[in-house]
Each structure stands twice: as structure tokens, then as C-alpha cells.
Amino acid sequence: MLPLTMASQGEPVIIKKIGGKQETKKFLETLGFVVGGTITVVSEINGNMIVNVKDSRVAIGKDMANKIMV
């Protein structure tokens, strides 16, 4: 299990675990980041990422991406 920040660009990965406080987990869940869901890293700049999740593109910061384990 690795944080999302370590995932390869363009390679679909499956979310194994989401860490952080309850409100952080709820926020990510509303964006479509759920355990068992598939996401793909579109681009990454200085740890900040744009990912495809549920047919949408979402930008997340490095600290948020580190809480998502794939």
C-alpha cells in the first residue's frame, strides 16, 4: 500500500484506504474517493495532483493525496 502521491501517471489504481480525520474522509467521499474505487493520475506538479475519479477530473493537494492509500 502506497500513498496516491507515489502512483504512476496514467496508470489506474484502486483505493485501499483513506486516512485522516472524519471530516476529511467525508469530503473526499463526496468527491468520489471511496475505498474500492478506481482513480487515475492525470498530472502531478510539486505533489499537487489532477486525478480522474468517476468520470470527473479533480485537483487535490499533496497533503490530501498523502491520505489516500492505493
C-alpha atoms as a PDB file:
ATOM      1  CA  MET A   1       0.000   0.000   0.000  1.00  0.00           C
ATOM      2  CA  LEU A   2       1.384   3.391  -1.059  1.00  0.00           C
ATOM      3  CA  PRO A   3       0.081   6.972  -0.828  1.00  0.00           C
ATOM      4  CA  LEU A   4      -1.517   8.326  -4.002  1.00  0.00           C
ATOM      5  CA  THR A   5       1.455  10.686  -4.432  1.00  0.00           C
ATOM      6  CA  MET A   6       3.580   7.618  -5.317  1.00  0.00           C
ATOM      7  CA  ALA A   7       1.202   6.336  -8.034  1.00  0.00           C
ATOM      8  CA  SER A   8       2.362   6.393 -11.650  1.00  0.00           C
ATOM      9  CA  GLN A   9       0.808   8.895 -14.030  1.00  0.00           C
ATOM     10  CA  GLY A  10      -1.778   7.375 -16.385  1.00  0.00           C
ATOM     11  CA  GLU A  11      -1.993   4.073 -14.510  1.00  0.00           C
ATOM     12  CA  PRO A  12      -5.374   3.204 -12.928  1.00  0.00           C
ATOM     13  CA  VAL A  13      -5.101   2.362  -9.212  1.00  0.00           C
ATOM     14  CA  ILE A  14      -7.637   1.118  -6.665  1.00  0.00           C
ATOM     15  CA  ILE A  15      -8.177   2.973  -3.385  1.00  0.00           C
ATOM     16  CA  LYS A  16      -7.359   0.670  -0.473  1.00  0.00           C
ATOM     17  CA  LYS A  17      -7.734   3.070   2.471  1.00  0.00           C
ATOM     18  CA  ILE A  18      -8.451   6.721   3.226  1.00  0.00           C
ATOM     19  CA  GLY A  19      -6.802   8.219   6.291  1.00  0.00           C
ATOM     20  CA  GLY A  20      -7.229  11.465   8.184  1.00  0.00           C
ATOM     21  CA  LYS A  21      -9.977  12.996  10.275  1.00  0.00           C
ATOM     22  CA  GLN A  22     -13.631  12.085   9.788  1.00  0.00           C
ATOM     23  CA  GLU A  23     -14.430  15.371   8.038  1.00  0.00           C
ATOM     24  CA  THR A  24     -11.511  14.806   5.620  1.00  0.00           C
ATOM     25  CA  LYS A  25     -12.785  11.324   4.785  1.00  0.00           C
ATOM     26  CA  LYS A  26     -16.319  12.671   4.266  1.00  0.00           C
ATOM     27  CA  PHE A  27     -15.032  15.465   1.998  1.00  0.00           C
ATOM     28  CA  LEU A  28     -13.046  13.012  -0.152  1.00  0.00           C
ATOM     29  CA  GLU A  29     -16.059  10.680  -0.277  1.00  0.00           C
ATOM     30  CA  THR A  30     -18.230  13.476  -1.690  1.00  0.00           C
ATOM     31  CA  LEU A  31     -15.618  13.970  -4.436  1.00  0.00           C
ATOM     32  CA  GLY A  32     -15.855  10.266  -5.321  1.00  0.00           C
ATOM     33  CA  PHE A  33     -12.818   8.923  -3.460  1.00  0.00           C
ATOM     34  CA  VAL A  34     -14.211   5.729  -1.908  1.00  0.00           C
ATOM     35  CA  VAL A  35     -12.457   2.508  -0.863  1.00  0.00           C
ATOM     36  CA  GLY A  36     -12.528   0.091  -3.780  1.00  0.00           C
ATOM     37  CA  GLY A  37     -12.904   2.903  -6.315  1.00  0.00           C
ATOM     38  CA  THR A  38     -10.549   3.281  -9.274  1.00  0.00           C
ATOM     39  CA  ILE A  39      -8.663   6.520  -9.885  1.00  0.00           C
ATOM     40  CA  THR A  40      -6.084   7.563 -12.458  1.00  0.00           C
ATOM     41  CA  VAL A  41      -3.429  10.250 -12.003  1.00  0.00           C
ATOM     42  CA  VAL A  42      -3.669  12.690 -14.935  1.00  0.00           C
ATOM     43  CA  SER A  43      -0.846  15.014 -13.895  1.00  0.00           C
ATOM     44  CA  GLU A  44       1.298  15.892 -10.894  1.00  0.00           C
ATOM     45  CA  ILE A  45       3.136  19.143 -10.141  1.00  0.00           C
ATOM     46  CA  ASN A  46       5.073  19.510  -6.862  1.00  0.00           C
ATOM     47  CA  GLY A  47       2.916  16.809  -5.269  1.00  0.00           C
ATOM     48  CA  ASN A  48      -0.364  18.512  -6.205  1.00  0.00           C
ATOM     49  CA  MET A  49      -2.373  16.221  -8.451  1.00  0.00           C
ATOM     50  CA  ILE A  50      -5.134  16.132 -11.018  1.00  0.00           C
ATOM     51  CA  VAL A  51      -6.869  12.758 -11.000  1.00  0.00           C
ATOM     52  CA  ASN A  52      -9.718  11.111 -12.878  1.00  0.00           C
ATOM     53  CA  VAL A  53     -12.296   9.776 -10.455  1.00  0.00           C
ATOM     54  CA  LYS A  54     -15.763   8.586 -11.516  1.00  0.00           C
ATOM     55  CA  ASP A  55     -15.547  10.242 -14.973  1.00  0.00           C
ATOM     56  CA  SER A  56     -14.559  13.605 -13.438  1.00  0.00           C
ATOM     57  CA  ARG A  57     -11.250  15.390 -13.072  1.00  0.00           C
ATOM     58  CA  VAL A  58     -10.452  16.533  -9.551  1.00  0.00           C
ATOM     59  CA  ALA A  59      -7.478  18.572  -8.312  1.00  0.00           C
ATOM     60  CA  ILE A  60      -6.171  17.686  -4.854  1.00  0.00           C
ATOM     61  CA  GLY A  61      -3.256  18.993  -2.811  1.00  0.00           C
ATOM     62  CA  LYS A  62      -0.232  16.991  -1.742  1.00  0.00           C
ATOM     63  CA  ASP A  63      -1.376  16.662   1.893  1.00  0.00           C
ATOM     64  CA  MET A  64      -4.780  15.329   0.796  1.00  0.00           C
ATOM     65  CA  ALA A  65      -3.200  12.936  -1.737  1.00  0.00           C
ATOM     66  CA  ASN A  66      -0.952  11.523   1.006  1.00  0.00           C
ATOM     67  CA  LYS A  67      -4.056  10.445   2.971  1.00  0.00           C
ATOM     68  CA  ILE A  68      -5.305   8.302   0.065  1.00  0.00           C
ATOM     69  CA  MET A  69      -3.658   4.872   0.086  1.00  0.00           C
ATOM     70  CA  VAL A  70      -3.622   2.805  -3.120  1.00  0.00           C
END
